Amino acid sequence: MAALYMLPVFAAGIFVLWLVCKILSVPLKILWKLLVNAVIGAVLLLIVNFFGGFFNFAIPISPVSALVAGIFGIPGVIVLALIALF
């Protein structure tokens, strides 16, 4: 008989758990995307500077260039390279 009263409480707990996971999944997806962009941007910036050294070309690594490469990823590094050319 006591188990019958526990069923709505158990269902409410499962619903709250599902709701919390649903609410947190969107910010985690955005955070994961920013993290992947930051890693790709940093690696690409290092690759451009390594191979650019053979052609006397380098993108100065500063907080601004690291931020642009980290947030925008590949397009950010391309823009930084274009700015460095001009």
Protein backbone atom coordinates (compact mmCIF):
# COMPACT_ATOMS: atom_id res chain seq x y z
CA MET A 1 0.00 0.00 0.00
CA ALA A 2 2.86 2.41 0.77
CA ALA A 3 4.40 1.69 -2.63
CA LEU A 4 1.27 3.02 -4.31
CA TYR A 5 1.84 6.42 -2.68
CA MET A 6 5.50 6.43 -3.73
CA LEU A 7 4.72 6.10 -7.45
CA PRO A 8 3.76 9.78 -8.01
CA VAL A 9 6.80 10.94 -6.04
CA PHE A 10 9.06 8.66 -8.10
CA ALA A 11 7.46 9.94 -11.34
CA ALA A 12 7.91 13.55 -10.23
CA GLY A 13 11.58 12.89 -9.41
CA ILE A 14 12.18 11.34 -12.83
CA PHE A 15 10.46 14.32 -14.49
CA VAL A 16 12.58 16.84 -12.57
CA LEU A 17 15.75 14.92 -13.46
CA TRP A 18 14.75 14.88 -17.13
CA LEU A 19 13.94 18.60 -17.04
CA VAL A 20 17.29 19.52 -15.47
CA CYS A 21 19.18 17.44 -18.04
CA LYS A 22 17.21 19.06 -20.87
CA ILE A 23 17.91 22.57 -19.57
CA LEU A 24 21.64 21.91 -19.13
CA SER A 25 22.13 20.18 -22.48
CA VAL A 26 21.86 23.37 -24.57
CA PRO A 27 24.60 25.34 -22.74
CA LEU A 28 26.85 22.27 -22.73
CA LYS A 29 26.47 21.94 -26.50
CA ILE A 30 27.44 25.58 -26.95
CA LEU A 31 30.39 25.19 -24.57
CA TRP A 32 31.54 22.04 -26.38
CA LYS A 33 31.35 23.82 -29.75
CA LEU A 34 33.40 26.75 -28.42
CA LEU A 35 35.97 24.37 -26.97
CA VAL A 36 36.34 22.49 -30.27
CA ASN A 37 36.64 25.79 -32.17
CA ALA A 38 39.31 26.98 -29.74
CA VAL A 39 41.39 23.84 -30.16
CA ILE A 40 41.05 23.84 -33.95
CA GLY A 41 41.88 27.56 -34.12
CA ALA A 42 44.96 27.23 -31.90
CA VAL A 43 46.30 24.23 -33.81
CA LEU A 44 45.67 25.92 -37.15
CA LEU A 45 47.37 29.10 -35.92
CA LEU A 46 50.44 27.09 -34.94
CA ILE A 47 50.43 25.23 -38.27
CA VAL A 48 50.18 28.48 -40.24
CA ASN A 49 53.06 29.96 -38.25
CA PHE A 50 55.17 26.81 -38.68
CA PHE A 51 54.73 26.51 -42.43
CA GLY A 52 54.63 30.28 -42.89
CA GLY A 53 58.16 30.41 -41.51
CA PHE A 54 59.37 28.82 -44.74
CA PHE A 55 57.83 31.69 -46.72
CA ASN A 56 58.72 34.48 -44.27
CA PHE A 57 55.10 34.79 -43.14
CA ALA A 58 53.78 34.67 -39.59
CA ILE A 59 50.68 35.63 -37.68
CA PRO A 60 51.73 37.22 -34.40
CA ILE A 61 50.25 35.28 -31.50
CA SER A 62 48.71 37.82 -29.16
CA PRO A 63 45.68 37.69 -26.89
CA VAL A 64 43.56 39.23 -29.65
CA SER A 65 44.65 36.77 -32.34
CA ALA A 66 44.24 33.86 -29.94
CA LEU A 67 40.74 35.07 -29.07
CA VAL A 68 39.76 35.45 -32.74
CA ALA A 69 41.17 32.03 -33.62
CA GLY A 70 39.55 30.49 -30.55
CA ILE A 71 36.08 31.86 -31.11
CA PHE A 72 35.84 31.68 -34.90
CA GLY A 73 38.10 28.69 -35.57
CA ILE A 74 39.17 28.19 -39.19
CA PRO A 75 37.49 31.33 -40.60
CA GLY A 76 39.11 33.39 -37.85
CA VAL A 77 42.59 32.13 -38.76
CA ILE A 78 41.91 32.86 -42.43
CA VAL A 79 40.91 36.44 -41.58
CA LEU A 80 44.00 36.84 -39.41
CA ALA A 81 46.17 35.59 -42.28
CA LEU A 82 44.54 38.04 -44.68
CA ILE A 83 45.08 40.90 -42.23
CA ALA A 84 48.72 39.88 -41.81
CA LEU A 85 49.18 39.90 -45.60
CA PHE A 86 47.97 43.47 -45.89
